[in-house]
All heavy atoms as atom14 arrays in JSON, in Angstrom:
{
  "sequence": "LASAFNADLGLPTFVAGLATAAGIHLRQRISPM",
  "atom14_mask": [
    [1, 1, 1, 1, 1, 1, 1, 1, 0, 0, 0, 0, 0, 0],
    [1, 1, 1, 1, 1, 0, 0, 0, 0, 0, 0, 0, 0, 0],
    [1, 1, 1, 1, 1, 1, 0, 0, 0, 0, 0, 0, 0, 0],
    [1, 1, 1, 1, 1, 0, 0, 0, 0, 0, 0, 0, 0, 0],
    [1, 1, 1, 1, 1, 1, 1, 1, 1, 1, 1, 0, 0, 0],
    [1, 1, 1, 1, 1, 1, 1, 1, 0, 0, 0, 0, 0, 0],
    [1, 1, 1, 1, 1, 0, 0, 0, 0, 0, 0, 0, 0, 0],
    [1, 1, 1, 1, 1, 1, 1, 1, 0, 0, 0, 0, 0, 0],
    [1, 1, 1, 1, 1, 1, 1, 1, 0, 0, 0, 0, 0, 0],
    [1, 1, 1, 1, 0, 0, 0, 0, 0, 0, 0, 0, 0, 0],
    [1, 1, 1, 1, 1, 1, 1, 1, 0, 0, 0, 0, 0, 0],
    [1, 1, 1, 1, 1, 1, 1, 0, 0, 0, 0, 0, 0, 0],
    [1, 1, 1, 1, 1, 1, 1, 0, 0, 0, 0, 0, 0, 0],
    [1, 1, 1, 1, 1, 1, 1, 1, 1, 1, 1, 0, 0, 0],
    [1, 1, 1, 1, 1, 1, 1, 0, 0, 0, 0, 0, 0, 0],
    [1, 1, 1, 1, 1, 0, 0, 0, 0, 0, 0, 0, 0, 0],
    [1, 1, 1, 1, 0, 0, 0, 0, 0, 0, 0, 0, 0, 0],
    [1, 1, 1, 1, 1, 1, 1, 1, 0, 0, 0, 0, 0, 0],
    [1, 1, 1, 1, 1, 0, 0, 0, 0, 0, 0, 0, 0, 0],
    [1, 1, 1, 1, 1, 1, 1, 0, 0, 0, 0, 0, 0, 0],
    [1, 1, 1, 1, 1, 0, 0, 0, 0, 0, 0, 0, 0, 0],
    [1, 1, 1, 1, 1, 0, 0, 0, 0, 0, 0, 0, 0, 0],
    [1, 1, 1, 1, 0, 0, 0, 0, 0, 0, 0, 0, 0, 0],
    [1, 1, 1, 1, 1, 1, 1, 1, 0, 0, 0, 0, 0, 0],
    [1, 1, 1, 1, 1, 1, 1, 1, 1, 1, 0, 0, 0, 0],
    [1, 1, 1, 1, 1, 1, 1, 1, 0, 0, 0, 0, 0, 0],
    [1, 1, 1, 1, 1, 1, 1, 1, 1, 1, 1, 0, 0, 0],
    [1, 1, 1, 1, 1, 1, 1, 1, 1, 0, 0, 0, 0, 0],
    [1, 1, 1, 1, 1, 1, 1, 1, 1, 1, 1, 0, 0, 0],
    [1, 1, 1, 1, 1, 1, 1, 1, 0, 0, 0, 0, 0, 0],
    [1, 1, 1, 1, 1, 1, 0, 0, 0, 0, 0, 0, 0, 0],
    [1, 1, 1, 1, 1, 1, 1, 0, 0, 0, 0, 0, 0, 0],
    [1, 1, 1, 1, 1, 1, 1, 1, 0, 0, 0, 0, 0, 0]
  ],
  "atom14_positions": [
    [[-10.15, -10.17, -1.98], [-9.78, -11.28, -1.1], [-10.19, -10.97, 0.34], [-10.7, -11.85, 1.05], [-8.26, -11.51, -1.17], [-7.75, -12.09, -2.49], [-6.22, -12.12, -2.5], [-8.3, -13.5, -2.71], [0.0, 0.0, 0.0], [0.0, 0.0, 0.0], [0.0, 0.0, 0.0], [0.0, 0.0, 0.0], [0.0, 0.0, 0.0], [0.0, 0.0, 0.0]],
    [[-9.98, -9.73, 0.77], [-10.37, -9.35, 2.14], [-11.87, -9.5, 2.33], [-12.34, -9.99, 3.37], [-9.94, -7.91, 2.42], [0.0, 0.0, 0.0], [0.0, 0.0, 0.0], [0.0, 0.0, 0.0], [0.0, 0.0, 0.0], [0.0, 0.0, 0.0], [0.0, 0.0, 0.0], [0.0, 0.0, 0.0], [0.0, 0.0, 0.0], [0.0, 0.0, 0.0]],
    [[-12.63, -9.11, 1.31], [-14.09, -9.25, 1.4], [-14.5, -10.71, 1.47], [-15.41, -11.08, 2.22], [-14.74, -8.57, 0.2], [-16.14, -8.77, 0.2], [0.0, 0.0, 0.0], [0.0, 0.0, 0.0], [0.0, 0.0, 0.0], [0.0, 0.0, 0.0], [0.0, 0.0, 0.0], [0.0, 0.0, 0.0], [0.0, 0.0, 0.0], [0.0, 0.0, 0.0]],
    [[-13.83, -11.55, 0.69], [-14.17, -12.98, 0.67], [-13.96, -13.62, 2.04], [-14.68, -14.56, 2.41], [-13.33, -13.7, -0.38], [0.0, 0.0, 0.0], [0.0, 0.0, 0.0], [0.0, 0.0, 0.0], [0.0, 0.0, 0.0], [0.0, 0.0, 0.0], [0.0, 0.0, 0.0], [0.0, 0.0, 0.0], [0.0, 0.0, 0.0], [0.0, 0.0, 0.0]],
    [[-12.98, -13.11, 2.79], [-12.69, -13.66, 4.11], [-13.29, -12.82, 5.24], [-12.93, -13.0, 6.41], [-11.18, -13.79, 4.31], [-10.55, -14.87, 3.47], [-9.92, -14.56, 2.27], [-10.63, -16.21, 3.85], [-9.35, -15.55, 1.49], [-10.06, -17.2, 3.08], [-9.43, -16.89, 1.89], [0.0, 0.0, 0.0], [0.0, 0.0, 0.0], [0.0, 0.0, 0.0]],
    [[-14.2, -11.89, 4.86], [-14.88, -11.03, 5.84], [-13.89, -10.26, 6.71], [-14.12, -10.03, 7.9], [-15.81, -11.87, 6.74], [-17.03, -12.36, 5.99], [-17.56, -11.67, 5.12], [-17.46, -13.58, 6.3], [0.0, 0.0, 0.0], [0.0, 0.0, 0.0], [0.0, 0.0, 0.0], [0.0, 0.0, 0.0], [0.0, 0.0, 0.0], [0.0, 0.0, 0.0]],
    [[-12.77, -9.85, 6.1], [-11.76, -9.07, 6.82], [-12.01, -7.58, 6.63], [-12.69, -7.17, 5.68], [-10.35, -9.44, 6.33], [0.0, 0.0, 0.0], [0.0, 0.0, 0.0], [0.0, 0.0, 0.0], [0.0, 0.0, 0.0], [0.0, 0.0, 0.0], [0.0, 0.0, 0.0], [0.0, 0.0, 0.0], [0.0, 0.0, 0.0], [0.0, 0.0, 0.0]],
    [[-11.47, -6.76, 7.53], [-11.57, -5.31, 7.38], [-10.83, -4.87, 6.11], [-9.83, -5.48, 5.71], [-10.97, -4.61, 8.59], [-11.82, -4.78, 9.84], [-13.02, -5.09, 9.7], [-11.27, -4.62, 10.95], [0.0, 0.0, 0.0], [0.0, 0.0, 0.0], [0.0, 0.0, 0.0], [0.0, 0.0, 0.0], [0.0, 0.0, 0.0], [0.0, 0.0, 0.0]],
    [[-11.33, -3.81, 5.48], [-10.75, -3.34, 4.23], [-9.72, -2.24, 4.42], [-8.91, -1.98, 3.53], [-11.86, -2.82, 3.31], [-13.01, -3.79, 3.01], [-14.0, -3.15, 2.05], [-12.48, -5.1, 2.43], [0.0, 0.0, 0.0], [0.0, 0.0, 0.0], [0.0, 0.0, 0.0], [0.0, 0.0, 0.0], [0.0, 0.0, 0.0], [0.0, 0.0, 0.0]],
    [[-9.73, -1.58, 5.59], [-8.88, -0.42, 5.79], [-7.4, -0.75, 5.78], [-6.61, -0.14, 5.04], [0.0, 0.0, 0.0], [0.0, 0.0, 0.0], [0.0, 0.0, 0.0], [0.0, 0.0, 0.0], [0.0, 0.0, 0.0], [0.0, 0.0, 0.0], [0.0, 0.0, 0.0], [0.0, 0.0, 0.0], [0.0, 0.0, 0.0], [0.0, 0.0, 0.0]],
    [[-6.98, -1.71, 6.6], [-5.55, -2.02, 6.72], [-4.96, -2.53, 5.4], [-3.88, -2.07, 5.0], [-5.33, -3.04, 7.84], [-3.86, -3.39, 8.14], [-3.08, -2.14, 8.51], [-3.77, -4.44, 9.25], [0.0, 0.0, 0.0], [0.0, 0.0, 0.0], [0.0, 0.0, 0.0], [0.0, 0.0, 0.0], [0.0, 0.0, 0.0], [0.0, 0.0, 0.0]],
    [[-5.63, -3.45, 4.67], [-5.06, -3.86, 3.37], [-4.9, -2.7, 2.4], [-3.9, -2.63, 1.68], [-6.09, -4.88, 2.85], [-6.79, -5.38, 4.05], [-6.83, -4.23, 5.01], [0.0, 0.0, 0.0], [0.0, 0.0, 0.0], [0.0, 0.0, 0.0], [0.0, 0.0, 0.0], [0.0, 0.0, 0.0], [0.0, 0.0, 0.0], [0.0, 0.0, 0.0]],
    [[-5.86, -1.79, 2.37], [-5.76, -0.63, 1.46], [-4.62, 0.28, 1.88], [-3.86, 0.8, 1.04], [-7.09, 0.15, 1.47], [-8.17, -0.74, 1.23], [-7.09, 1.23, 0.41], [0.0, 0.0, 0.0], [0.0, 0.0, 0.0], [0.0, 0.0, 0.0], [0.0, 0.0, 0.0], [0.0, 0.0, 0.0], [0.0, 0.0, 0.0], [0.0, 0.0, 0.0]],
    [[-4.5, 0.52, 3.17], [-3.43, 1.35, 3.72], [-2.06, 0.77, 3.35], [-1.18, 1.49, 2.85], [-3.59, 1.43, 5.24], [-2.51, 2.18, 5.96], [-2.53, 3.57, 6.01], [-1.48, 1.5, 6.59], [-1.53, 4.26, 6.67], [-0.48, 2.19, 7.27], [-0.51, 3.58, 7.3], [0.0, 0.0, 0.0], [0.0, 0.0, 0.0], [0.0, 0.0, 0.0]],
    [[-1.9, -0.53, 3.57], [-0.62, -1.19, 3.28], [-0.34, -1.14, 1.78], [0.79, -0.86, 1.35], [-0.63, -2.64, 3.79], [0.59, -3.4, 3.29], [-0.69, -2.66, 5.31], [0.0, 0.0, 0.0], [0.0, 0.0, 0.0], [0.0, 0.0, 0.0], [0.0, 0.0, 0.0], [0.0, 0.0, 0.0], [0.0, 0.0, 0.0], [0.0, 0.0, 0.0]],
    [[-1.37, -1.39, 0.96], [-1.18, -1.39, -0.5], [-0.78, 0.0, -0.99], [0.12, 0.13, -1.84], [-2.47, -1.84, -1.19], [0.0, 0.0, 0.0], [0.0, 0.0, 0.0], [0.0, 0.0, 0.0], [0.0, 0.0, 0.0], [0.0, 0.0, 0.0], [0.0, 0.0, 0.0], [0.0, 0.0, 0.0], [0.0, 0.0, 0.0], [0.0, 0.0, 0.0]],
    [[-1.41, 1.04, -0.47], [-1.08, 2.4, -0.88], [0.33, 2.79, -0.5], [1.1, 3.31, -1.32], [0.0, 0.0, 0.0], [0.0, 0.0, 0.0], [0.0, 0.0, 0.0], [0.0, 0.0, 0.0], [0.0, 0.0, 0.0], [0.0, 0.0, 0.0], [0.0, 0.0, 0.0], [0.0, 0.0, 0.0], [0.0, 0.0, 0.0], [0.0, 0.0, 0.0]],
    [[0.71, 2.51, 0.76], [2.06, 2.88, 1.21], [3.13, 2.02, 0.54], [4.22, 2.51, 0.22], [2.14, 2.74, 2.73], [1.32, 3.73, 3.55], [1.74, 3.69, 5.02], [1.44, 5.15, 3.03], [0.0, 0.0, 0.0], [0.0, 0.0, 0.0], [0.0, 0.0, 0.0], [0.0, 0.0, 0.0], [0.0, 0.0, 0.0], [0.0, 0.0, 0.0]],
    [[2.83, 0.73, 0.3], [3.8, -0.14, -0.37], [4.04, 0.32, -1.81], [5.18, 0.33, -2.29], [3.31, -1.59, -0.36], [0.0, 0.0, 0.0], [0.0, 0.0, 0.0], [0.0, 0.0, 0.0], [0.0, 0.0, 0.0], [0.0, 0.0, 0.0], [0.0, 0.0, 0.0], [0.0, 0.0, 0.0], [0.0, 0.0, 0.0], [0.0, 0.0, 0.0]],
    [[2.98, 0.72, -2.49], [3.13, 1.23, -3.86], [3.97, 2.5, -3.87], [4.89, 2.65, -4.7], [1.75, 1.52, -4.47], [0.95, 0.32, -4.46], [1.88, 2.02, -5.9], [0.0, 0.0, 0.0], [0.0, 0.0, 0.0], [0.0, 0.0, 0.0], [0.0, 0.0, 0.0], [0.0, 0.0, 0.0], [0.0, 0.0, 0.0], [0.0, 0.0, 0.0]],
    [[3.67, 3.41, -2.94], [4.43, 4.67, -2.86], [5.89, 4.39, -2.54], [6.81, 4.97, -3.15], [3.82, 5.58, -1.8], [0.0, 0.0, 0.0], [0.0, 0.0, 0.0], [0.0, 0.0, 0.0], [0.0, 0.0, 0.0], [0.0, 0.0, 0.0], [0.0, 0.0, 0.0], [0.0, 0.0, 0.0], [0.0, 0.0, 0.0], [0.0, 0.0, 0.0]],
    [[6.14, 3.49, -1.58], [7.52, 3.18, -1.19], [8.28, 2.56, -2.36], [9.44, 2.92, -2.62], [7.52, 2.23, 0.01], [0.0, 0.0, 0.0], [0.0, 0.0, 0.0], [0.0, 0.0, 0.0], [0.0, 0.0, 0.0], [0.0, 0.0, 0.0], [0.0, 0.0, 0.0], [0.0, 0.0, 0.0], [0.0, 0.0, 0.0], [0.0, 0.0, 0.0]],
    [[7.64, 1.61, -3.07], [8.3, 0.95, -4.19], [8.7, 1.94, -5.28], [9.82, 1.89, -5.81], [0.0, 0.0, 0.0], [0.0, 0.0, 0.0], [0.0, 0.0, 0.0], [0.0, 0.0, 0.0], [0.0, 0.0, 0.0], [0.0, 0.0, 0.0], [0.0, 0.0, 0.0], [0.0, 0.0, 0.0], [0.0, 0.0, 0.0], [0.0, 0.0, 0.0]],
    [[7.77, 2.87, -5.61], [8.05, 3.84, -6.67], [9.15, 4.81, -6.25], [10.08, 5.1, -7.03], [6.75, 4.6, -7.03], [5.78, 3.66, -7.73], [7.06, 5.81, -7.9], [4.41, 4.25, -7.97], [0.0, 0.0, 0.0], [0.0, 0.0, 0.0], [0.0, 0.0, 0.0], [0.0, 0.0, 0.0], [0.0, 0.0, 0.0], [0.0, 0.0, 0.0]],
    [[9.09, 5.29, -5.03], [10.06, 6.3, -4.6], [11.44, 5.69, -4.37], [12.47, 6.35, -4.59], [9.56, 7.03, -3.36], [8.44, 7.97, -3.64], [7.12, 7.63, -3.46], [8.42, 9.23, -4.15], [6.35, 8.64, -3.81], [7.11, 9.62, -4.24], [0.0, 0.0, 0.0], [0.0, 0.0, 0.0], [0.0, 0.0, 0.0], [0.0, 0.0, 0.0]],
    [[11.5, 4.43, -3.95], [12.8, 3.76, -3.82], [13.4, 3.51, -5.2], [14.61, 3.68, -5.41], [12.63, 2.43, -3.07], [12.42, 2.54, -1.56], [12.12, 1.17, -0.96], [13.66, 3.15, -0.89], [0.0, 0.0, 0.0], [0.0, 0.0, 0.0], [0.0, 0.0, 0.0], [0.0, 0.0, 0.0], [0.0, 0.0, 0.0], [0.0, 0.0, 0.0]],
    [[12.55, 3.14, -6.14], [13.02, 2.88, -7.51], [13.53, 4.17, -8.15], [14.54, 4.18, -8.85], [11.89, 2.27, -8.33], [12.25, 1.96, -9.78], [11.01, 1.49, -10.54], [11.3, 1.32, -11.95], [11.68, 0.18, -12.52], [11.83, -0.9, -11.76], [11.9, 0.11, -13.82], [0.0, 0.0, 0.0], [0.0, 0.0, 0.0], [0.0, 0.0, 0.0]],
    [[12.8, 5.25, -7.93], [13.17, 6.53, -8.54], [14.16, 7.33, -7.69], [14.67, 8.35, -8.14], [11.91, 7.37, -8.8], [10.94, 6.74, -9.79], [9.7, 7.58, -10.01], [9.39, 8.48, -9.22], [8.96, 7.29, -11.07], [0.0, 0.0, 0.0], [0.0, 0.0, 0.0], [0.0, 0.0, 0.0], [0.0, 0.0, 0.0], [0.0, 0.0, 0.0]],
    [[14.38, 6.87, -6.46], [15.31, 7.53, -5.53], [14.94, 9.0, -5.33], [15.79, 9.9, -5.42], [16.76, 7.4, -6.03], [17.24, 5.96, -6.09], [18.68, 5.88, -6.51], [19.13, 4.49, -6.54], [20.37, 4.11, -6.86], [21.28, 5.02, -7.17], [20.69, 2.83, -6.88], [0.0, 0.0, 0.0], [0.0, 0.0, 0.0], [0.0, 0.0, 0.0]],
    [[13.66, 9.21, -5.06], [13.18, 10.57, -4.77], [12.42, 10.56, -3.46], [11.99, 9.52, -2.97], [12.28, 11.12, -5.91], [11.07, 10.18, -6.1], [13.05, 11.29, -7.2], [10.07, 10.69, -7.12], [0.0, 0.0, 0.0], [0.0, 0.0, 0.0], [0.0, 0.0, 0.0], [0.0, 0.0, 0.0], [0.0, 0.0, 0.0], [0.0, 0.0, 0.0]],
    [[12.25, 11.73, -2.89], [11.56, 11.85, -1.6], [10.05, 11.66, -1.77], [9.47, 12.14, -2.75], [11.83, 13.23, -0.99], [10.98, 13.46, 0.13], [0.0, 0.0, 0.0], [0.0, 0.0, 0.0], [0.0, 0.0, 0.0], [0.0, 0.0, 0.0], [0.0, 0.0, 0.0], [0.0, 0.0, 0.0], [0.0, 0.0, 0.0], [0.0, 0.0, 0.0]],
    [[9.4, 10.96, -0.83], [7.95, 10.82, -0.89], [7.2, 12.04, -0.38], [5.97, 12.08, -0.44], [7.69, 9.61, 0.02], [8.79, 9.68, 1.04], [9.99, 10.21, 0.3], [0.0, 0.0, 0.0], [0.0, 0.0, 0.0], [0.0, 0.0, 0.0], [0.0, 0.0, 0.0], [0.0, 0.0, 0.0], [0.0, 0.0, 0.0], [0.0, 0.0, 0.0]],
    [[7.93, 13.04, 0.12], [7.27, 14.18, 0.75], [6.33, 14.94, -0.19], [5.26, 15.38, 0.24], [8.31, 15.14, 1.34], [9.03, 14.58, 2.57], [7.89, 13.92, 3.81], [7.0, 15.4, 4.25], [0.0, 0.0, 0.0], [0.0, 0.0, 0.0], [0.0, 0.0, 0.0], [0.0, 0.0, 0.0], [0.0, 0.0, 0.0], [0.0, 0.0, 0.0]]
  ]
}
């Protein structure tokens, strides 16, 4: 989608990676460290 709208790819990837990590660690109630 970012490519289709000629948007930068870095920020969407960064947000997707951190959101996935946050979702998993909140669900499992473990530290992301």
